[in-house]
Amino acid sequence: MTQSVVVQVGQCGNQIGCCFWDLALREHASVNQAVLIDMEEGVVNEILQGPLRDVFDSKQLITDISGSGNNWAVGHKVFGSLYQEQILEKLRKSAEHCDCLQCFFIIHSMGGGTGSGLGTFLLMMLKDEFPEVYRFVTSIYPSSEDDVITSPYNSMLAMKELNEHADCVLPIDNQQN
């Protein structure tokens, strides 16, 4: 019985999402509803060629080749507007396959451009299109040793959007121990 849609956004969101599905399918053997989004196609292509390739519907993927350049504004403003209808179509299709849709579970990073920017644009869309459905977010925060200079800015801009549009945020620190 499917009650949620997992949305994996950006490189980090898709990599963590694969680990999530690997564990979830071993423990629960459930059917998934997932939408994979990344503005660089490399990680999604790896997923489609990896051990979980049969888990994901190749029609529920959205990729580009240019990437967001670690820039929140590019992910949020440029790719959000450019892919809004396509993303909504994929989300609606996944929602239709649920027996009783209760939540969207978004996995994304706060430091990259696609994860932080497009990930929070997605939250805004979900709040408008599915106001009665919960929005749970796993946000991966950048390490203090992150070498991407824009990560702190991306995180701050994304936090405002999380505050406004997420029902629950599960923050994860990407710090290596």
N, C-alpha and C. Protein backbone atom coordinates (compact mmCIF):
# COMPACT_ATOMS: atom_id res chain seq x y z
N MET A 1 0.84 -1.17 0.00
CA MET A 1 0.00 0.00 0.00
C MET A 1 0.89 1.24 0.00
N THR A 2 0.90 1.97 -1.09
CA THR A 2 1.74 3.14 -1.23
C THR A 2 1.00 4.38 -0.72
N GLN A 3 1.67 5.11 0.19
CA GLN A 3 1.05 6.29 0.76
C GLN A 3 1.92 7.52 0.64
N SER A 4 3.10 7.38 0.06
CA SER A 4 4.01 8.52 -0.04
C SER A 4 4.74 8.50 -1.38
N VAL A 5 5.20 9.68 -1.75
CA VAL A 5 6.02 9.83 -2.95
C VAL A 5 7.35 10.41 -2.50
N VAL A 6 8.42 9.73 -2.87
CA VAL A 6 9.77 10.21 -2.56
C VAL A 6 10.26 11.02 -3.74
N VAL A 7 10.77 12.22 -3.46
CA VAL A 7 11.32 13.08 -4.51
C VAL A 7 12.78 13.32 -4.17
N GLN A 8 13.66 12.85 -5.03
CA GLN A 8 15.10 12.98 -4.84
C GLN A 8 15.58 14.11 -5.73
N VAL A 9 16.19 15.15 -5.13
CA VAL A 9 16.56 16.34 -5.89
C VAL A 9 18.06 16.57 -5.79
N GLY A 10 18.71 16.72 -6.95
CA GLY A 10 20.13 17.03 -6.99
C GLY A 10 21.00 15.80 -6.81
N GLN A 11 22.30 16.01 -6.94
CA GLN A 11 23.26 14.91 -6.83
C GLN A 11 23.17 14.24 -5.46
N CYS A 12 23.24 15.02 -4.42
CA CYS A 12 23.19 14.48 -3.06
C CYS A 12 21.86 13.79 -2.79
N GLY A 13 20.76 14.43 -3.15
CA GLY A 13 19.44 13.85 -2.93
C GLY A 13 19.26 12.51 -3.61
N ASN A 14 19.80 12.38 -4.81
CA ASN A 14 19.69 11.12 -5.53
C ASN A 14 20.62 10.06 -4.96
N GLN A 15 21.81 10.44 -4.53
CA GLN A 15 22.72 9.46 -3.92
C GLN A 15 22.18 8.96 -2.59
N ILE A 16 21.70 9.87 -1.74
CA ILE A 16 21.12 9.46 -0.45
C ILE A 16 19.83 8.67 -0.70
N GLY A 17 19.04 9.10 -1.68
CA GLY A 17 17.81 8.40 -2.01
C GLY A 17 18.04 6.95 -2.40
N CYS A 18 19.11 6.68 -3.12
CA CYS A 18 19.43 5.30 -3.49
C CYS A 18 19.73 4.46 -2.25
N CYS A 19 20.47 5.03 -1.32
CA CYS A 19 20.74 4.32 -0.06
C CYS A 19 19.45 4.05 0.69
N PHE A 20 18.56 5.04 0.70
CA PHE A 20 17.26 4.90 1.35
C PHE A 20 16.48 3.73 0.73
N TRP A 21 16.39 3.71 -0.61
CA TRP A 21 15.61 2.66 -1.27
C TRP A 21 16.24 1.29 -1.10
N ASP A 22 17.56 1.23 -1.12
CA ASP A 22 18.24 -0.04 -0.92
C ASP A 22 17.84 -0.64 0.43
N LEU A 23 17.86 0.17 1.46
CA LEU A 23 17.48 -0.30 2.80
C LEU A 23 15.97 -0.56 2.90
N ALA A 24 15.17 0.36 2.42
CA ALA A 24 13.71 0.22 2.52
C ALA A 24 13.20 -1.02 1.80
N LEU A 25 13.73 -1.29 0.64
CA LEU A 25 13.26 -2.45 -0.12
C LEU A 25 13.70 -3.76 0.52
N ARG A 26 14.89 -3.76 1.14
CA ARG A 26 15.33 -4.97 1.84
C ARG A 26 14.48 -5.23 3.08
N GLU A 27 14.11 -4.18 3.78
CA GLU A 27 13.37 -4.35 5.04
C GLU A 27 11.87 -4.49 4.85
N HIS A 28 11.32 -3.83 3.83
CA HIS A 28 9.86 -3.80 3.70
C HIS A 28 9.32 -4.35 2.39
N ALA A 29 10.17 -4.53 1.40
CA ALA A 29 9.76 -5.05 0.09
C ALA A 29 8.53 -4.34 -0.46
N SER A 30 8.50 -3.03 -0.30
CA SER A 30 7.34 -2.27 -0.75
C SER A 30 7.55 -1.73 -2.16
N VAL A 31 6.45 -1.37 -2.79
CA VAL A 31 6.50 -0.75 -4.10
C VAL A 31 6.71 0.74 -3.89
N ASN A 32 7.62 1.32 -4.64
CA ASN A 32 7.90 2.74 -4.41
C ASN A 32 7.28 3.62 -5.47
N GLN A 33 7.06 4.85 -5.08
CA GLN A 33 6.71 5.92 -6.00
C GLN A 33 7.78 6.97 -5.80
N ALA A 34 8.58 7.19 -6.83
CA ALA A 34 9.68 8.13 -6.70
C ALA A 34 9.81 8.97 -7.96
N VAL A 35 10.23 10.21 -7.75
CA VAL A 35 10.56 11.12 -8.84
C VAL A 35 12.01 11.53 -8.60
N LEU A 36 12.85 11.34 -9.61
CA LEU A 36 14.27 11.69 -9.50
C LEU A 36 14.52 12.92 -10.35
N ILE A 37 15.12 13.95 -9.73
CA ILE A 37 15.37 15.22 -10.42
C ILE A 37 16.82 15.61 -10.22
N ASP A 38 17.51 15.92 -11.29
CA ASP A 38 18.87 16.46 -11.20
C ASP A 38 19.16 17.24 -12.47
N MET A 39 19.80 18.36 -12.33
CA MET A 39 20.11 19.18 -13.49
C MET A 39 21.46 18.82 -14.11
N GLU A 40 22.07 17.78 -13.62
CA GLU A 40 23.20 17.11 -14.27
C GLU A 40 22.79 15.65 -14.35
N GLU A 41 22.98 15.02 -15.49
CA GLU A 41 22.43 13.69 -15.67
C GLU A 41 23.30 12.55 -15.16
N GLY A 42 24.51 12.83 -14.70
CA GLY A 42 25.46 11.79 -14.32
C GLY A 42 24.98 10.84 -13.25
N VAL A 43 24.53 11.35 -12.12
CA VAL A 43 24.11 10.49 -11.00
C VAL A 43 22.86 9.70 -11.35
N VAL A 44 21.90 10.33 -12.00
CA VAL A 44 20.68 9.61 -12.39
C VAL A 44 21.01 8.50 -13.39
N ASN A 45 21.92 8.76 -14.32
CA ASN A 45 22.35 7.71 -15.25
C ASN A 45 23.02 6.55 -14.51
N GLU A 46 23.83 6.86 -13.50
CA GLU A 46 24.46 5.81 -12.69
C GLU A 46 23.40 4.98 -11.98
N ILE A 47 22.38 5.63 -11.46
CA ILE A 47 21.29 4.92 -10.78
C ILE A 47 20.60 3.97 -11.75
N LEU A 48 20.34 4.44 -12.96
CA LEU A 48 19.65 3.62 -13.96
C LEU A 48 20.48 2.45 -14.46
N GLN A 49 21.78 2.50 -14.23
CA GLN A 49 22.66 1.40 -14.63
C GLN A 49 23.10 0.56 -13.45
N GLY A 50 22.74 0.97 -12.23
CA GLY A 50 23.18 0.29 -11.02
C GLY A 50 22.23 -0.81 -10.58
N PRO A 51 22.47 -1.34 -9.38
CA PRO A 51 21.67 -2.46 -8.88
C PRO A 51 20.20 -2.13 -8.62
N LEU A 52 19.86 -0.85 -8.49
CA LEU A 52 18.47 -0.46 -8.25
C LEU A 52 17.75 -0.01 -9.52
N ARG A 53 18.32 -0.33 -10.67
CA ARG A 53 17.77 0.17 -11.95
C ARG A 53 16.32 -0.26 -12.18
N ASP A 54 15.93 -1.43 -11.67
CA ASP A 54 14.57 -1.90 -11.88
C ASP A 54 13.56 -1.30 -10.90
N VAL A 55 14.07 -0.58 -9.91
CA VAL A 55 13.21 0.01 -8.88
C VAL A 55 12.52 1.27 -9.38
N PHE A 56 13.21 2.02 -10.23
CA PHE A 56 12.72 3.33 -10.65
C PHE A 56 12.11 3.30 -12.04
N ASP A 57 11.03 4.04 -12.21
CA ASP A 57 10.37 4.19 -13.50
C ASP A 57 11.13 5.25 -14.30
N SER A 58 11.70 4.86 -15.41
CA SER A 58 12.51 5.80 -16.20
C SER A 58 11.70 6.96 -16.75
N LYS A 59 10.37 6.86 -16.71
CA LYS A 59 9.52 7.98 -17.15
C LYS A 59 9.32 9.01 -16.03
N GLN A 60 9.81 8.69 -14.84
CA GLN A 60 9.64 9.58 -13.69
C GLN A 60 10.95 10.30 -13.33
N LEU A 61 11.75 10.55 -14.33
CA LEU A 61 13.03 11.22 -14.14
C LEU A 61 13.04 12.55 -14.88
N ILE A 62 13.71 13.54 -14.28
CA ILE A 62 13.90 14.83 -14.95
C ILE A 62 15.36 15.19 -14.80
N THR A 63 16.04 15.34 -15.94
CA THR A 63 17.45 15.73 -15.91
C THR A 63 17.72 16.81 -16.95
N ASP A 64 18.83 17.46 -16.77
CA ASP A 64 19.35 18.45 -17.72
C ASP A 64 20.83 18.14 -17.83
N ILE A 65 21.55 18.85 -18.66
CA ILE A 65 22.98 18.57 -18.78
C ILE A 65 23.87 19.68 -18.25
N SER A 66 23.29 20.85 -17.96
CA SER A 66 24.15 21.98 -17.60
C SER A 66 24.43 22.11 -16.11
N GLY A 67 23.54 21.63 -15.26
CA GLY A 67 23.71 21.79 -13.82
C GLY A 67 23.36 23.20 -13.36
N SER A 68 23.31 23.37 -12.05
CA SER A 68 22.96 24.67 -11.46
C SER A 68 24.17 25.46 -11.01
N GLY A 69 25.35 24.92 -11.21
CA GLY A 69 26.57 25.65 -10.89
C GLY A 69 26.70 26.04 -9.43
N ASN A 70 26.19 25.20 -8.51
CA ASN A 70 26.24 25.50 -7.07
C ASN A 70 25.62 26.85 -6.74
N ASN A 71 24.57 27.21 -7.48
CA ASN A 71 23.95 28.52 -7.31
C ASN A 71 22.46 28.34 -7.03
N TRP A 72 22.04 28.69 -5.81
CA TRP A 72 20.64 28.55 -5.40
C TRP A 72 19.70 29.24 -6.38
N ALA A 73 20.04 30.45 -6.81
CA ALA A 73 19.16 31.23 -7.69
C ALA A 73 18.95 30.54 -9.03
N VAL A 74 19.98 29.89 -9.56
CA VAL A 74 19.82 29.17 -10.83
C VAL A 74 18.85 28.01 -10.64
N GLY A 75 19.03 27.23 -9.57
CA GLY A 75 18.11 26.12 -9.31
C GLY A 75 16.69 26.58 -9.06
N HIS A 76 16.54 27.61 -8.24
CA HIS A 76 15.21 28.07 -7.82
C HIS A 76 14.51 28.87 -8.92
N LYS A 77 15.17 29.85 -9.45
CA LYS A 77 14.54 30.77 -10.40
C LYS A 77 14.57 30.27 -11.84
N VAL A 78 15.74 29.80 -12.29
CA VAL A 78 15.87 29.39 -13.70
C VAL A 78 15.25 28.01 -13.93
N PHE A 79 15.78 26.98 -13.25
CA PHE A 79 15.29 25.63 -13.49
C PHE A 79 13.89 25.42 -12.91
N GLY A 80 13.56 26.11 -11.83
CA GLY A 80 12.21 26.01 -11.28
C GLY A 80 11.17 26.41 -12.30
N SER A 81 11.37 27.57 -12.91
CA SER A 81 10.43 28.05 -13.94
C SER A 81 10.46 27.17 -15.18
N LEU A 82 11.65 26.77 -15.58
CA LEU A 82 11.82 26.00 -16.81
C LEU A 82 11.17 24.61 -16.73
N TYR A 83 11.25 23.98 -15.57
CA TYR A 83 10.78 22.60 -15.43
C TYR A 83 9.51 22.45 -14.59
N GLN A 84 8.89 23.55 -14.21
CA GLN A 84 7.74 23.50 -13.32
C GLN A 84 6.64 22.56 -13.82
N GLU A 85 6.21 22.72 -15.04
CA GLU A 85 5.11 21.88 -15.56
C GLU A 85 5.52 20.42 -15.66
N GLN A 86 6.73 20.17 -16.09
CA GLN A 86 7.21 18.79 -16.21
C GLN A 86 7.29 18.12 -14.83
N ILE A 87 7.77 18.86 -13.83
CA ILE A 87 7.84 18.32 -12.48
C ILE A 87 6.44 18.03 -11.94
N LEU A 88 5.52 18.98 -12.12
CA LEU A 88 4.15 18.77 -11.65
C LEU A 88 3.50 17.56 -12.31
N GLU A 89 3.75 17.37 -13.58
CA GLU A 89 3.20 16.21 -14.29
C GLU A 89 3.71 14.91 -13.66
N LYS A 90 4.99 14.83 -13.36
CA LYS A 90 5.58 13.62 -12.76
C LYS A 90 5.03 13.41 -11.34
N LEU A 91 4.89 14.50 -10.58
CA LEU A 91 4.36 14.39 -9.22
C LEU A 91 2.91 13.92 -9.24
N ARG A 92 2.12 14.47 -10.13
CA ARG A 92 0.70 14.05 -10.24
C ARG A 92 0.59 12.58 -10.61
N LYS A 93 1.43 12.16 -11.55
CA LYS A 93 1.41 10.76 -11.98
C LYS A 93 1.75 9.84 -10.81
N SER A 94 2.78 10.19 -10.04
CA SER A 94 3.14 9.38 -8.87
C SER A 94 2.03 9.40 -7.83
N ALA A 95 1.43 10.55 -7.61
CA ALA A 95 0.35 10.67 -6.63
C ALA A 95 -0.85 9.80 -7.02
N GLU A 96 -1.13 9.71 -8.30
CA GLU A 96 -2.25 8.89 -8.78
C GLU A 96 -2.04 7.41 -8.50
N HIS A 97 -0.80 6.98 -8.41
CA HIS A 97 -0.50 5.57 -8.15
C HIS A 97 -0.53 5.22 -6.66
N CYS A 98 -0.73 6.21 -5.82
CA CYS A 98 -0.80 5.96 -4.37
C CYS A 98 -2.22 5.58 -3.97
N ASP A 99 -2.32 4.64 -3.04
CA ASP A 99 -3.63 4.24 -2.54
C ASP A 99 -4.28 5.36 -1.74
N CYS A 100 -3.48 6.01 -0.92
CA CYS A 100 -3.97 7.09 -0.07
C CYS A 100 -2.78 8.01 0.22
N LEU A 101 -2.54 8.96 -0.66
CA LEU A 101 -1.36 9.83 -0.55
C LEU A 101 -1.40 10.63 0.74
N GLN A 102 -0.38 10.43 1.57
CA GLN A 102 -0.30 11.15 2.84
C GLN A 102 0.86 12.12 2.90
N CYS A 103 1.95 11.84 2.15
CA CYS A 103 3.08 12.76 2.24
C CYS A 103 3.98 12.67 1.01
N PHE A 104 4.67 13.78 0.80
CA PHE A 104 5.80 13.82 -0.11
C PHE A 104 7.04 13.84 0.77
N PHE A 105 8.01 13.02 0.44
CA PHE A 105 9.25 12.93 1.20
C PHE A 105 10.37 13.39 0.28
N ILE A 106 10.89 14.58 0.55
CA ILE A 106 11.91 15.19 -0.32
C ILE A 106 13.28 14.99 0.30
N ILE A 107 14.23 14.56 -0.51
CA ILE A 107 15.62 14.39 -0.08
C ILE A 107 16.47 15.31 -0.94
N HIS A 108 17.21 16.21 -0.30
CA HIS A 108 18.02 17.17 -1.05
C HIS A 108 19.15 17.71 -0.18
N SER A 109 20.12 18.34 -0.83
CA SER A 109 21.18 19.01 -0.07
C SER A 109 20.86 20.49 0.03
N MET A 110 21.45 21.11 1.01
CA MET A 110 21.27 22.55 1.21
C MET A 110 22.41 23.33 0.56
N GLY A 111 23.50 22.69 0.21
CA GLY A 111 24.68 23.40 -0.27
C GLY A 111 24.77 23.56 -1.77
N GLY A 112 24.23 22.62 -2.54
CA GLY A 112 24.33 22.68 -3.99
C GLY A 112 23.24 23.55 -4.60
N GLY A 113 23.37 23.87 -5.86
CA GLY A 113 22.39 24.72 -6.52
C GLY A 113 21.07 24.03 -6.82
N THR A 114 21.14 22.80 -7.32
CA THR A 114 19.91 22.08 -7.65
C THR A 114 19.18 21.65 -6.38
N GLY A 115 19.88 21.04 -5.45
CA GLY A 115 19.25 20.59 -4.21
C GLY A 115 18.63 21.72 -3.42
N SER A 116 19.38 22.79 -3.22
CA SER A 116 18.87 23.91 -2.41
C SER A 116 17.86 24.75 -3.17
N GLY A 117 18.15 25.06 -4.41
CA GLY A 117 17.29 25.95 -5.19
C GLY A 117 16.06 25.28 -5.76
N LEU A 118 16.27 24.26 -6.58
CA LEU A 118 15.14 23.56 -7.18
C LEU A 118 14.38 22.76 -6.12
N GLY A 119 15.11 22.24 -5.13
CA GLY A 119 14.45 21.51 -4.04
C GLY A 119 13.45 22.36 -3.28
N THR A 120 13.80 23.61 -3.01
CA THR A 120 12.87 24.48 -2.28
C THR A 120 11.78 25.04 -3.20
N PHE A 121 12.08 25.20 -4.49
CA PHE A 121 11.04 25.58 -5.45
C PHE A 121 9.99 24.48 -5.50
N LEU A 122 10.44 23.24 -5.49
CA LEU A 122 9.55 22.09 -5.49
C LEU A 122 8.63 22.12 -4.27
N LEU A 123 9.17 22.45 -3.11
CA LEU A 123 8.35 22.55 -1.90
C LEU A 123 7.23 23.57 -2.06
N MET A 124 7.57 24.70 -2.64
CA MET A 124 6.59 25.75 -2.87
C MET A 124 5.48 25.24 -3.80
N MET A 125 5.87 24.53 -4.85
CA MET A 125 4.88 23.96 -5.78
C MET A 125 3.98 22.95 -5.08
N LEU A 126 4.58 22.10 -4.26
CA LEU A 126 3.80 21.08 -3.56
C LEU A 126 2.78 21.72 -2.61
N LYS A 127 3.18 22.77 -1.94
CA LYS A 127 2.25 23.45 -1.03
C LYS A 127 1.07 24.04 -1.79
N ASP A 128 1.32 24.55 -3.00
CA ASP A 128 0.25 25.12 -3.82
C ASP A 128 -0.63 24.04 -4.45
N GLU A 129 -0.01 22.99 -4.97
CA GLU A 129 -0.75 21.97 -5.73
C GLU A 129 -1.37 20.88 -4.86
N PHE A 130 -0.73 20.55 -3.74
CA PHE A 130 -1.20 19.49 -2.85
C PHE A 130 -1.23 20.03 -1.41
N PRO A 131 -2.05 21.04 -1.12
CA PRO A 131 -1.99 21.69 0.20
C PRO A 131 -2.34 20.76 1.36
N GLU A 132 -3.11 19.72 1.11
CA GLU A 132 -3.54 18.82 2.19
C GLU A 132 -2.55 17.69 2.45
N VAL A 133 -1.53 17.57 1.62
CA VAL A 133 -0.55 16.48 1.75
C VAL A 133 0.69 17.00 2.48
N TYR A 134 1.14 16.23 3.47
CA TYR A 134 2.32 16.64 4.24
C TYR A 134 3.58 16.66 3.38
N ARG A 135 4.48 17.56 3.72
CA ARG A 135 5.77 17.69 3.04
C ARG A 135 6.88 17.48 4.06
N PHE A 136 7.45 16.25 4.06
CA PHE A 136 8.58 15.93 4.93
C PHE A 136 9.86 16.09 4.12
N VAL A 137 10.85 16.72 4.71
CA VAL A 137 12.08 17.02 3.99
C VAL A 137 13.29 16.53 4.78
N THR A 138 14.15 15.77 4.12
CA THR A 138 15.46 15.46 4.67
C THR A 138 16.44 16.38 3.97
N SER A 139 17.01 17.30 4.74
CA SER A 139 17.94 18.30 4.21
C SER A 139 19.35 17.99 4.68
N ILE A 140 20.25 17.79 3.74
CA ILE A 140 21.65 17.51 4.06
C ILE A 140 22.39 18.85 4.08
N TYR A 141 22.85 19.24 5.27
CA TYR A 141 23.56 20.51 5.43
C TYR A 141 25.04 20.31 5.13
N PRO A 142 25.68 21.30 4.48
CA PRO A 142 27.09 21.15 4.11
C PRO A 142 28.01 21.09 5.32
N SER A 143 29.10 20.39 5.13
CA SER A 143 30.15 20.31 6.14
C SER A 143 30.82 21.67 6.29
N SER A 144 31.36 21.93 7.46
CA SER A 144 32.11 23.18 7.65
C SER A 144 33.39 23.18 6.82
N GLU A 145 33.78 22.00 6.36
CA GLU A 145 34.97 21.88 5.51
C GLU A 145 34.63 21.81 4.03
N ASP A 146 33.39 22.08 3.69
CA ASP A 146 32.95 22.06 2.29
C ASP A 146 33.78 23.06 1.48
N ASP A 147 34.24 22.64 0.32
CA ASP A 147 35.08 23.52 -0.50
C ASP A 147 34.28 24.37 -1.49
N VAL A 148 32.96 24.25 -1.47
CA VAL A 148 32.13 25.06 -2.36
C VAL A 148 31.82 26.38 -1.65
N ILE A 149 32.31 27.45 -2.20
CA ILE A 149 32.22 28.77 -1.55
C ILE A 149 30.79 29.25 -1.37
N THR A 150 29.89 28.81 -2.23
CA THR A 150 28.50 29.28 -2.16
C THR A 150 27.61 28.46 -1.23
N SER A 151 28.11 27.37 -0.69
CA SER A 151 27.29 26.49 0.17
C SER A 151 26.60 27.22 1.32
N PRO A 152 27.31 28.07 2.08
CA PRO A 152 26.62 28.77 3.18
C PRO A 152 25.48 29.67 2.69
N TYR A 153 25.70 30.34 1.56
CA TYR A 153 24.66 31.22 1.00
C TYR A 153 23.46 30.40 0.53
N ASN A 154 23.75 29.32 -0.18
CA ASN A 154 22.67 28.44 -0.65
C ASN A 154 21.85 27.92 0.53
N SER A 155 22.54 27.54 1.60
CA SER A 155 21.85 27.00 2.78
C SER A 155 20.94 28.04 3.42
N MET A 156 21.43 29.25 3.54
CA MET A 156 20.63 30.32 4.16
C MET A 156 19.40 30.65 3.32
N LEU A 157 19.57 30.74 2.02
CA LEU A 157 18.44 31.03 1.14
C LEU A 157 17.42 29.89 1.17
N ALA A 158 17.90 28.66 1.21
CA ALA A 158 17.01 27.51 1.25
C ALA A 158 16.27 27.41 2.58
N MET A 159 16.92 27.79 3.68
CA MET A 159 16.28 27.69 5.00
C MET A 159 15.01 28.53 5.09
N LYS A 160 15.02 29.69 4.48
CA LYS A 160 13.83 30.54 4.47
C LYS A 160 12.67 29.80 3.81
N GLU A 161 12.96 29.17 2.68
CA GLU A 161 11.91 28.44 1.95
C GLU A 161 11.44 27.22 2.74
N LEU A 162 12.35 26.52 3.40
CA LEU A 162 11.96 25.38 4.22
C LEU A 162 11.01 25.81 5.33
N ASN A 163 11.33 26.93 5.96
CA ASN A 163 10.49 27.48 7.03
C ASN A 163 9.07 27.73 6.54
N GLU A 164 8.93 28.23 5.34
CA GLU A 164 7.63 28.60 4.81
C GLU A 164 6.83 27.44 4.23
N HIS A 165 7.50 26.43 3.68
CA HIS A 165 6.79 25.45 2.87
C HIS A 165 6.86 24.00 3.34
N ALA A 166 7.75 23.67 4.27
CA ALA A 166 7.87 22.28 4.74
C ALA A 166 7.06 22.08 6.01
N ASP A 167 6.47 20.90 6.15
CA ASP A 167 5.76 20.56 7.39
C ASP A 167 6.72 19.99 8.43
N CYS A 168 7.75 19.32 7.97
CA CYS A 168 8.72 18.72 8.88
C CYS A 168 10.07 18.67 8.17
N VAL A 169 11.11 19.11 8.85
CA VAL A 169 12.46 19.07 8.28
C VAL A 169 13.33 18.18 9.16
N LEU A 170 13.97 17.21 8.54
CA LEU A 170 14.91 16.33 9.22
C LEU A 170 16.31 16.74 8.78
N PRO A 171 16.98 17.59 9.55
CA PRO A 171 18.30 18.08 9.12
C PRO A 171 19.38 17.04 9.37
N ILE A 172 20.26 16.89 8.40
CA ILE A 172 21.39 15.97 8.50
C ILE A 172 22.66 16.78 8.29
N ASP A 173 23.61 16.63 9.20
CA ASP A 173 24.90 17.31 9.09
C ASP A 173 25.82 16.45 8.24
N ASN A 174 26.37 17.00 7.20
CA ASN A 174 27.24 16.26 6.30
C ASN A 174 28.69 16.24 6.78
N GLN A 175 28.90 16.61 8.03
CA GLN A 175 30.25 16.64 8.59
C GLN A 175 30.79 15.21 8.74
N GLN A 176 31.99 14.98 8.26
CA GLN A 176 32.66 13.69 8.43
C GLN A 176 33.19 13.58 9.85
N ASN A 177 32.99 12.46 10.51
CA ASN A 177 33.53 12.26 11.86
C ASN A 177 34.75 11.39 11.83
